[in-house]
Amino acid sequence: MCTNKIFIIIFVLFYSISQLVWAKTNNNKSELTVVADESLEWFEKEKYYLAKGNVILKKDGVTLKANIIKADYVFENGENILRKIIAKEKVILTREKTKATGQYMIYDLKNKIAEISGSFQTFSSPSGYVESKKIITFDDLNNKAEAEGNVKIILPNKTMIYADNVKADFESANKSLKKAIAKGNVIIENKSKGRKSMADLGVYNSDNEIVQLIGNVIIMNNKSKLSGSKGITNLKTGVSNIIGDPKNKKRVQGIFAPIKKQKKGD
């Protein structure tokens, strides 16, 4: 199964999302431009801008579109410094070849936390595609990312990952992946190759380069099938094992289908 590289690719993808949301937007000296169809209001006393009607906000190569956008700011050192951006209805966030969509987005520039939420939100980039039916969150200061609610991920090699919740922890220094957890109804599938893995929980640790599939594990390769309580893949050696649970009397089981020999010329 291609499980051995899946988790790394997933969270490289998550890191790409964070780069879209956070890209240089903490540089408050750059210009912020806003256009809208209906209205553009400046509430000087309350310290916020409010734009309505097909709003387009641009800053540092990032474009944010929504029907309503509110931008809170503080006045420091003779200039207005953005602190929070809230976008509602038909939210589209783009930067170069990356794109995020949703119904509601809140972006805390001070704490570097971004949340895209609603009944359906997506993210796409050359690294792949992510969708969620609840929320996608990025916490840059604490180096975390999370997607929740019928999460679906499509990788460039057409592998599809499903889970109720996916979390990623990154190293603070270089933002490399530290730990990844996919939880609840985890499925890793590549239909074109006839491969599919299922488990209750999937865990990747960069310290030992081990991927674990835990709870009701099933690994299928074409017509062959392995099942057990745990599945372990060592990324260094490439060796995968399926493990039972003797205490609960759960044994390892395997069904191996014969491989048909191809005829000459096929």
C-alpha atoms as a PDB file:
ATOM      1  CA  MET A   1       0.000   0.000   0.000  1.00  0.00           C
ATOM      2  CA  CYS A   2       1.233   3.513  -0.696  1.00  0.00           C
ATOM      3  CA  THR A   3       0.527   4.385   2.947  1.00  0.00           C
ATOM      4  CA  ASN A   4       4.210   4.931   3.609  1.00  0.00           C
ATOM      5  CA  LYS A   5       4.278   8.358   1.926  1.00  0.00           C
ATOM      6  CA  ILE A   6       0.647   9.404   2.185  1.00  0.00           C
ATOM      7  CA  PHE A   7       0.774  11.162   5.544  1.00  0.00           C
ATOM      8  CA  ILE A   8       3.841  13.211   4.616  1.00  0.00           C
ATOM      9  CA  ILE A   9       2.192  14.429   1.409  1.00  0.00           C
ATOM     10  CA  ILE A  10      -1.052  15.259   3.237  1.00  0.00           C
ATOM     11  CA  PHE A  11       0.607  17.630   5.617  1.00  0.00           C
ATOM     12  CA  VAL A  12       2.887  19.188   3.040  1.00  0.00           C
ATOM     13  CA  LEU A  13      -0.456  20.048   1.483  1.00  0.00           C
ATOM     14  CA  PHE A  14      -1.720  21.501   4.774  1.00  0.00           C
ATOM     15  CA  TYR A  15       1.420  23.611   5.021  1.00  0.00           C
ATOM     16  CA  SER A  16       0.702  24.936   1.524  1.00  0.00           C
ATOM     17  CA  ILE A  17      -2.692  26.112   2.822  1.00  0.00           C
ATOM     18  CA  SER A  18      -1.054  27.992   5.662  1.00  0.00           C
ATOM     19  CA  GLN A  19       1.253  29.733   3.201  1.00  0.00           C
ATOM     20  CA  LEU A  20      -1.799  30.892   1.246  1.00  0.00           C
ATOM     21  CA  VAL A  21      -3.533  32.302   4.305  1.00  0.00           C
ATOM     22  CA  TRP A  22      -0.536  33.816   6.068  1.00  0.00           C
ATOM     23  CA  ALA A  23       1.614  34.878   3.137  1.00  0.00           C
ATOM     24  CA  LYS A  24       3.204  38.166   4.215  1.00  0.00           C
ATOM     25  CA  THR A  25      -0.087  39.496   5.559  1.00  0.00           C
ATOM     26  CA  ASN A  26       1.669  40.422   8.791  1.00  0.00           C
ATOM     27  CA  ASN A  27       3.518  43.062   6.803  1.00  0.00           C
ATOM     28  CA  ASN A  28       1.232  45.964   7.694  1.00  0.00           C
ATOM     29  CA  LYS A  29       3.266  48.530   5.777  1.00  0.00           C
ATOM     30  CA  SER A  30       2.020  47.258   2.428  1.00  0.00           C
ATOM     31  CA  GLU A  31      -1.110  48.650   0.809  1.00  0.00           C
ATOM     32  CA  LEU A  32      -4.550  47.165   1.347  1.00  0.00           C
ATOM     33  CA  THR A  33      -6.967  47.768  -1.529  1.00  0.00           C
ATOM     34  CA  VAL A  34     -10.710  47.116  -1.339  1.00  0.00           C
ATOM     35  CA  VAL A  35     -13.465  47.449  -3.958  1.00  0.00           C
ATOM     36  CA  ALA A  36     -17.188  46.659  -3.547  1.00  0.00           C
ATOM     37  CA  ASP A  37     -20.480  46.955  -5.472  1.00  0.00           C
ATOM     38  CA  GLU A  38     -22.758  48.172  -2.681  1.00  0.00           C
ATOM     39  CA  SER A  39     -20.829  50.059  -0.017  1.00  0.00           C
ATOM     40  CA  LEU A  40     -17.457  50.707   1.562  1.00  0.00           C
ATOM     41  CA  GLU A  41     -17.632  52.243   5.036  1.00  0.00           C
ATOM     42  CA  TRP A  42     -14.969  53.422   7.466  1.00  0.00           C
ATOM     43  CA  PHE A  43     -15.948  53.413  11.131  1.00  0.00           C
ATOM     44  CA  GLU A  44     -13.141  55.559  12.502  1.00  0.00           C
ATOM     45  CA  LYS A  45     -14.328  55.589  16.125  1.00  0.00           C
ATOM     46  CA  GLU A  46     -14.919  51.804  16.240  1.00  0.00           C
ATOM     47  CA  LYS A  47     -11.763  51.233  14.147  1.00  0.00           C
ATOM     48  CA  TYR A  48     -12.964  48.955  11.379  1.00  0.00           C
ATOM     49  CA  TYR A  49     -13.744  48.936   7.657  1.00  0.00           C
ATOM     50  CA  LEU A  50     -16.900  47.316   6.281  1.00  0.00           C
ATOM     51  CA  ALA A  51     -17.415  46.450   2.631  1.00  0.00           C
ATOM     52  CA  LYS A  52     -20.536  44.882   1.072  1.00  0.00           C
ATOM     53  CA  GLY A  53     -21.469  43.456  -2.317  1.00  0.00           C
ATOM     54  CA  ASN A  54     -18.976  41.378  -4.342  1.00  0.00           C
ATOM     55  CA  VAL A  55     -16.069  42.664  -2.275  1.00  0.00           C
ATOM     56  CA  ILE A  56     -12.494  42.208  -3.482  1.00  0.00           C
ATOM     57  CA  LEU A  57      -9.658  42.742  -1.007  1.00  0.00           C
ATOM     58  CA  LYS A  58      -6.023  42.603  -2.122  1.00  0.00           C
ATOM     59  CA  LYS A  59      -2.827  42.631  -0.080  1.00  0.00           C
ATOM     60  CA  ASP A  60       0.676  41.214  -0.707  1.00  0.00           C
ATOM     61  CA  GLY A  61      -0.384  39.043  -3.638  1.00  0.00           C
ATOM     62  CA  VAL A  62      -3.336  37.573  -1.738  1.00  0.00           C
ATOM     63  CA  THR A  63      -6.865  38.212  -3.069  1.00  0.00           C
ATOM     64  CA  LEU A  64      -9.918  37.740  -0.846  1.00  0.00           C
ATOM     65  CA  LYS A  65     -13.427  37.816  -2.315  1.00  0.00           C
ATOM     66  CA  ALA A  66     -16.731  37.681  -0.407  1.00  0.00           C
ATOM     67  CA  ASN A  67     -20.126  39.375  -0.231  1.00  0.00           C
ATOM     68  CA  ILE A  68     -19.220  40.983   3.114  1.00  0.00           C
ATOM     69  CA  ILE A  69     -15.757  41.758   4.499  1.00  0.00           C
ATOM     70  CA  LYS A  70     -15.007  43.455   7.795  1.00  0.00           C
ATOM     71  CA  ALA A  71     -11.462  44.521   8.706  1.00  0.00           C
ATOM     72  CA  ASP A  72     -10.624  45.542  12.289  1.00  0.00           C
ATOM     73  CA  TYR A  73      -7.532  47.653  12.931  1.00  0.00           C
ATOM     74  CA  VAL A  74      -5.587  49.513  15.607  1.00  0.00           C
ATOM     75  CA  PHE A  75      -3.850  52.861  15.255  1.00  0.00           C
ATOM     76  CA  GLU A  76      -0.137  52.554  16.044  1.00  0.00           C
ATOM     77  CA  ASN A  77       2.855  54.707  15.155  1.00  0.00           C
ATOM     78  CA  GLY A  78       0.810  56.937  12.886  1.00  0.00           C
ATOM     79  CA  GLU A  79      -0.793  54.196  10.792  1.00  0.00           C
ATOM     80  CA  ASN A  80      -3.761  51.829  10.785  1.00  0.00           C
ATOM     81  CA  ILE A  81      -2.578  48.265  11.414  1.00  0.00           C
ATOM     82  CA  LEU A  82      -4.914  45.376  10.573  1.00  0.00           C
ATOM     83  CA  ARG A  83      -5.739  42.999  13.408  1.00  0.00           C
ATOM     84  CA  LYS A  84      -8.636  40.846  12.179  1.00  0.00           C
ATOM     85  CA  ILE A  85     -10.414  40.164   8.895  1.00  0.00           C
ATOM     86  CA  ILE A  86     -13.864  38.558   8.749  1.00  0.00           C
ATOM     87  CA  ALA A  87     -15.320  37.451   5.411  1.00  0.00           C
ATOM     88  CA  LYS A  88     -18.879  36.143   4.904  1.00  0.00           C
ATOM     89  CA  GLU A  89     -20.770  34.483   2.048  1.00  0.00           C
ATOM     90  CA  LYS A  90     -19.086  33.022  -1.038  1.00  0.00           C
ATOM     91  CA  VAL A  91     -15.580  33.407   0.365  1.00  0.00           C
ATOM     92  CA  ILE A  92     -12.744  32.832  -2.111  1.00  0.00           C
ATOM     93  CA  LEU A  93      -9.100  33.274  -1.080  1.00  0.00           C
ATOM     94  CA  THR A  94      -6.401  32.995  -3.769  1.00  0.00           C
ATOM     95  CA  ARG A  95      -2.656  33.392  -4.134  1.00  0.00           C
ATOM     96  CA  GLU A  96      -0.820  32.306  -7.286  1.00  0.00           C
ATOM     97  CA  LYS A  97      -1.886  28.670  -7.922  1.00  0.00           C
ATOM     98  CA  THR A  98      -3.584  28.129  -4.560  1.00  0.00           C
ATOM     99  CA  LYS A  99      -7.256  28.663  -3.726  1.00  0.00           C
ATOM    100  CA  ALA A 100      -9.482  28.297  -0.637  1.00  0.00           C
ATOM    101  CA  THR A 101     -13.272  28.624  -0.548  1.00  0.00           C
ATOM    102  CA  GLY A 102     -15.966  28.629   2.147  1.00  0.00           C
ATOM    103  CA  GLN A 103     -18.933  30.472   3.608  1.00  0.00           C
ATOM    104  CA  TYR A 104     -17.185  32.126   6.544  1.00  0.00           C
ATOM    105  CA  MET A 105     -13.576  33.059   7.241  1.00  0.00           C
ATOM    106  CA  ILE A 106     -12.012  34.734  10.237  1.00  0.00           C
ATOM    107  CA  TYR A 107      -8.347  35.657  10.200  1.00  0.00           C
ATOM    108  CA  ASP A 108      -6.618  36.925  13.361  1.00  0.00           C
ATOM    109  CA  LEU A 109      -3.464  38.637  12.134  1.00  0.00           C
ATOM    110  CA  LYS A 110      -2.067  39.263  15.626  1.00  0.00           C
ATOM    111  CA  ASN A 111      -2.307  35.628  16.744  1.00  0.00           C
ATOM    112  CA  LYS A 112      -1.884  34.285  13.198  1.00  0.00           C
ATOM    113  CA  ILE A 113      -4.945  32.043  13.370  1.00  0.00           C
ATOM    114  CA  ALA A 114      -7.179  31.514  10.349  1.00  0.00           C
ATOM    115  CA  GLU A 115     -10.459  29.597  10.258  1.00  0.00           C
ATOM    116  CA  ILE A 116     -12.527  28.743   7.203  1.00  0.00           C
ATOM    117  CA  SER A 117     -15.892  27.267   8.164  1.00  0.00           C
ATOM    118  CA  GLY A 118     -19.386  26.479   6.952  1.00  0.00           C
ATOM    119  CA  SER A 119     -21.292  23.601   5.431  1.00  0.00           C
ATOM    120  CA  PHE A 120     -18.568  23.098   2.795  1.00  0.00           C
ATOM    121  CA  GLN A 121     -15.040  24.499   2.381  1.00  0.00           C
ATOM    122  CA  THR A 122     -12.226  23.562   0.022  1.00  0.00           C
ATOM    123  CA  PHE A 123      -8.564  24.147  -0.662  1.00  0.00           C
ATOM    124  CA  SER A 124      -6.705  23.353  -3.871  1.00  0.00           C
ATOM    125  CA  SER A 125      -3.085  23.728  -4.976  1.00  0.00           C
ATOM    126  CA  PRO A 126      -0.494  21.848  -7.064  1.00  0.00           C
ATOM    127  CA  SER A 127       0.043  19.729  -3.894  1.00  0.00           C
ATOM    128  CA  GLY A 128      -3.548  18.458  -3.945  1.00  0.00           C
ATOM    129  CA  TYR A 129      -7.084  19.150  -2.818  1.00  0.00           C
ATOM    130  CA  VAL A 130      -8.787  19.273   0.611  1.00  0.00           C
ATOM    131  CA  GLU A 131     -12.459  19.611   1.470  1.00  0.00           C
ATOM    132  CA  SER A 132     -14.282  19.728   4.795  1.00  0.00           C
ATOM    133  CA  LYS A 133     -17.911  20.015   5.891  1.00  0.00           C
ATOM    134  CA  LYS A 134     -17.183  21.795   9.169  1.00  0.00           C
ATOM    135  CA  ILE A 135     -13.954  23.774   9.576  1.00  0.00           C
ATOM    136  CA  ILE A 136     -10.335  24.116   8.466  1.00  0.00           C
ATOM    137  CA  THR A 137      -8.046  25.878  10.977  1.00  0.00           C
ATOM    138  CA  PHE A 138      -4.450  27.127  10.782  1.00  0.00           C
ATOM    139  CA  ASP A 139      -2.482  28.254  13.858  1.00  0.00           C
ATOM    140  CA  ASP A 140       0.867  29.641  12.751  1.00  0.00           C
ATOM    141  CA  LEU A 141       2.192  30.636  16.203  1.00  0.00           C
ATOM    142  CA  ASN A 142       1.557  27.158  17.616  1.00  0.00           C
ATOM    143  CA  ASN A 143       2.475  25.455  14.331  1.00  0.00           C
ATOM    144  CA  LYS A 144      -0.764  23.496  13.975  1.00  0.00           C
ATOM    145  CA  ALA A 145      -3.337  22.786  11.267  1.00  0.00           C
ATOM    146  CA  GLU A 146      -6.625  20.922  11.472  1.00  0.00           C
ATOM    147  CA  ALA A 147      -9.526  19.930   9.220  1.00  0.00           C
ATOM    148  CA  GLU A 148     -12.775  18.570  10.642  1.00  0.00           C
ATOM    149  CA  GLY A 149     -16.050  17.227   9.286  1.00  0.00           C
ATOM    150  CA  ASN A 150     -16.058  14.559   6.559  1.00  0.00           C
ATOM    151  CA  VAL A 151     -12.558  15.493   5.468  1.00  0.00           C
ATOM    152  CA  LYS A 152     -11.591  14.460   1.954  1.00  0.00           C
ATOM    153  CA  ILE A 153      -8.110  14.820   0.491  1.00  0.00           C
ATOM    154  CA  ILE A 154      -7.103  14.123  -3.110  1.00  0.00           C
ATOM    155  CA  LEU A 155      -3.389  13.848  -3.883  1.00  0.00           C
ATOM    156  CA  PRO A 156      -1.735  14.406  -7.283  1.00  0.00           C
ATOM    157  CA  ASN A 157      -1.315  10.634  -7.748  1.00  0.00           C
ATOM    158  CA  LYS A 158      -5.136  10.285  -7.437  1.00  0.00           C
ATOM    159  CA  THR A 159      -4.910   8.723  -3.978  1.00  0.00           C
ATOM    160  CA  MET A 160      -7.920   9.750  -1.867  1.00  0.00           C
ATOM    161  CA  ILE A 161      -7.939  10.076   1.926  1.00  0.00           C
ATOM    162  CA  TYR A 162     -11.075  10.286   4.053  1.00  0.00           C
ATOM    163  CA  ALA A 163     -11.354  10.942   7.810  1.00  0.00           C
ATOM    164  CA  ASP A 164     -13.588  12.672  10.331  1.00  0.00           C
ATOM    165  CA  ASN A 165     -10.687  14.772  11.591  1.00  0.00           C
ATOM    166  CA  VAL A 166      -7.123  15.435  10.449  1.00  0.00           C
ATOM    167  CA  LYS A 167      -4.484  17.263  12.543  1.00  0.00           C
ATOM    168  CA  ALA A 168      -0.891  18.276  11.830  1.00  0.00           C
ATOM    169  CA  ASP A 169       1.911  19.597  14.047  1.00  0.00           C
ATOM    170  CA  PHE A 170       4.894  21.361  12.468  1.00  0.00           C
ATOM    171  CA  GLU A 171       8.403  22.191  13.659  1.00  0.00           C
ATOM    172  CA  SER A 172       8.670  25.866  14.618  1.00  0.00           C
ATOM    173  CA  ALA A 173      12.055  26.409  12.976  1.00  0.00           C
ATOM    174  CA  ASN A 174      11.523  25.158   9.432  1.00  0.00           C
ATOM    175  CA  LYS A 175       7.779  24.289   9.421  1.00  0.00           C
ATOM    176  CA  SER A 176       8.563  20.675   8.554  1.00  0.00           C
ATOM    177  CA  LEU A 177       6.011  18.052   9.553  1.00  0.00           C
ATOM    178  CA  LYS A 178       6.421  16.768  13.132  1.00  0.00           C
ATOM    179  CA  LYS A 179       3.317  14.659  13.693  1.00  0.00           C
ATOM    180  CA  ALA A 180       0.123  13.879  11.790  1.00  0.00           C
ATOM    181  CA  ILE A 181      -3.090  12.258  13.011  1.00  0.00           C
ATOM    182  CA  ALA A 182      -6.107  11.196  10.950  1.00  0.00           C
ATOM    183  CA  LYS A 183      -8.992  10.122  13.182  1.00  0.00           C
ATOM    184  CA  GLY A 184     -12.366   8.476  12.623  1.00  0.00           C
ATOM    185  CA  ASN A 185     -13.333   6.337   9.621  1.00  0.00           C
ATOM    186  CA  VAL A 186      -9.895   6.659   8.043  1.00  0.00           C
ATOM    187  CA  ILE A 187      -9.745   5.457   4.443  1.00  0.00           C
ATOM    188  CA  ILE A 188      -6.754   5.662   2.088  1.00  0.00           C
ATOM    189  CA  GLU A 189      -7.661   4.607  -1.433  1.00  0.00           C
ATOM    190  CA  ASN A 190      -6.241   4.538  -4.934  1.00  0.00           C
ATOM    191  CA  LYS A 191      -8.891   3.000  -7.200  1.00  0.00           C
ATOM    192  CA  SER A 192      -6.699   2.913 -10.307  1.00  0.00           C
ATOM    193  CA  LYS A 193      -4.160   0.706  -8.473  1.00  0.00           C
ATOM    194  CA  GLY A 194      -6.770  -1.353  -6.644  1.00  0.00           C
ATOM    195  CA  ARG A 195      -5.420  -0.383  -3.226  1.00  0.00           C
ATOM    196  CA  LYS A 196      -7.346   0.557  -0.103  1.00  0.00           C
ATOM    197  CA  SER A 197      -6.581   0.833   3.630  1.00  0.00           C
ATOM    198  CA  MET A 198      -9.093   1.422   6.418  1.00  0.00           C
ATOM    199  CA  ALA A 199      -8.678   2.094  10.157  1.00  0.00           C
ATOM    200  CA  ASP A 200     -10.093   4.027  13.094  1.00  0.00           C
ATOM    201  CA  LEU A 201      -6.900   6.031  13.500  1.00  0.00           C
ATOM    202  CA  GLY A 202      -3.821   6.882  11.436  1.00  0.00           C
ATOM    203  CA  VAL A 203      -0.689   8.345  13.071  1.00  0.00           C
ATOM    204  CA  TYR A 204       2.617   9.536  11.585  1.00  0.00           C
ATOM    205  CA  ASN A 205       5.681  10.551  13.666  1.00  0.00           C
ATOM    206  CA  SER A 206       8.701  12.110  11.976  1.00  0.00           C
ATOM    207  CA  ASP A 207      10.990  11.135  14.910  1.00  0.00           C
ATOM    208  CA  ASN A 208      10.916   7.433  14.065  1.00  0.00           C
ATOM    209  CA  GLU A 209       9.395   7.678  10.559  1.00  0.00           C
ATOM    210  CA  ILE A 210       6.658   5.238  11.490  1.00  0.00           C
ATOM    211  CA  VAL A 211       3.089   5.281  10.137  1.00  0.00           C
ATOM    212  CA  GLN A 212       0.561   3.468  12.328  1.00  0.00           C
ATOM    213  CA  LEU A 213      -2.951   2.392  11.406  1.00  0.00           C
ATOM    214  CA  ILE A 214      -4.883   1.557  14.578  1.00  0.00           C
ATOM    215  CA  GLY A 215      -8.250  -0.085  15.210  1.00  0.00           C
ATOM    216  CA  ASN A 216     -10.147  -2.348  12.806  1.00  0.00           C
ATOM    217  CA  VAL A 217      -7.353  -2.186  10.242  1.00  0.00           C
ATOM    218  CA  ILE A 218      -8.026  -3.551   6.777  1.00  0.00           C
ATOM    219  CA  ILE A 219      -5.475  -3.391   3.967  1.00  0.00           C
ATOM    220  CA  MET A 220      -6.560  -4.438   0.482  1.00  0.00           C
ATOM    221  CA  ASN A 221      -4.408  -4.805  -2.610  1.00  0.00           C
ATOM    222  CA  ASN A 222      -6.501  -5.783  -5.628  1.00  0.00           C
ATOM    223  CA  LYS A 223      -8.264  -8.970  -4.428  1.00  0.00           C
ATOM    224  CA  SER A 224      -5.880  -9.690  -1.540  1.00  0.00           C
ATOM    225  CA  LYS A 225      -6.901  -8.598   1.950  1.00  0.00           C
ATOM    226  CA  LEU A 226      -5.191  -8.300   5.344  1.00  0.00           C
ATOM    227  CA  SER A 227      -6.971  -7.437   8.585  1.00  0.00           C
ATOM    228  CA  GLY A 228      -5.928  -6.931  12.194  1.00  0.00           C
ATOM    229  CA  SER A 229      -5.876  -4.485  15.101  1.00  0.00           C
ATOM    230  CA  LYS A 230      -2.811  -2.545  13.968  1.00  0.00           C
ATOM    231  CA  GLY A 231      -0.871  -1.866  10.822  1.00  0.00           C
ATOM    232  CA  ILE A 232       2.665  -0.449  10.943  1.00  0.00           C
ATOM    233  CA  THR A 233       4.829   0.868   8.116  1.00  0.00           C
ATOM    234  CA  ASN A 234       8.480   1.792   8.658  1.00  0.00           C
ATOM    235  CA  LEU A 235       9.342   4.532   6.165  1.00  0.00           C
ATOM    236  CA  LYS A 236      13.077   3.853   6.524  1.00  0.00           C
ATOM    237  CA  THR A 237      12.875   0.182   5.636  1.00  0.00           C
ATOM    238  CA  GLY A 238       9.619   0.166   3.683  1.00  0.00           C
ATOM    239  CA  VAL A 239       8.465  -2.870   5.687  1.00  0.00           C
ATOM    240  CA  SER A 240       4.763  -3.083   6.645  1.00  0.00           C
ATOM    241  CA  ASN A 241       3.259  -5.338   9.302  1.00  0.00           C
ATOM    242  CA  ILE A 242      -0.290  -6.178  10.319  1.00  0.00           C
ATOM    243  CA  ILE A 243      -0.732  -6.994  14.029  1.00  0.00           C
ATOM    244  CA  GLY A 244      -3.495  -8.717  15.990  1.00  0.00           C
ATOM    245  CA  ASP A 245      -4.747  -8.238  19.550  1.00  0.00           C
ATOM    246  CA  PRO A 246      -4.340 -11.474  21.566  1.00  0.00           C
ATOM    247  CA  LYS A 247      -5.816  -9.963  24.755  1.00  0.00           C
ATOM    248  CA  ASN A 248      -9.126  -9.335  23.035  1.00  0.00           C
ATOM    249  CA  LYS A 249      -8.822 -12.530  20.997  1.00  0.00           C
ATOM    250  CA  LYS A 250      -8.528 -10.624  17.715  1.00  0.00           C
ATOM    251  CA  ARG A 251      -6.332 -12.497  15.276  1.00  0.00           C
ATOM    252  CA  VAL A 252      -4.589 -11.411  12.102  1.00  0.00           C
ATOM    253  CA  GLN A 253      -6.330 -12.613   8.962  1.00  0.00           C
ATOM    254  CA  GLY A 254      -5.213 -12.647   5.352  1.00  0.00           C
ATOM    255  CA  ILE A 255      -6.865 -13.559   2.066  1.00  0.00           C
ATOM    256  CA  PHE A 256      -4.469 -13.756  -0.867  1.00  0.00           C
ATOM    257  CA  ALA A 257      -5.807 -13.919  -4.411  1.00  0.00           C
ATOM    258  CA  PRO A 258      -3.611 -15.545  -7.086  1.00  0.00           C
ATOM    259  CA  ILE A 259      -2.046 -13.217  -9.623  1.00  0.00           C
ATOM    260  CA  LYS A 260      -3.012 -14.128 -13.158  1.00  0.00           C
ATOM    261  CA  LYS A 261      -0.115 -14.532 -15.538  1.00  0.00           C
ATOM    262  CA  GLN A 262      -0.263 -12.209 -18.494  1.00  0.00           C
ATOM    263  CA  LYS A 263      -0.246 -13.681 -21.964  1.00  0.00           C
ATOM    264  CA  LYS A 264       2.541 -12.772 -24.311  1.00  0.00           C
ATOM    265  CA  GLY A 265       1.776  -9.592 -26.149  1.00  0.00           C
ATOM    266  CA  ASP A 266      -0.444  -8.200 -23.331  1.00  0.00           C
END
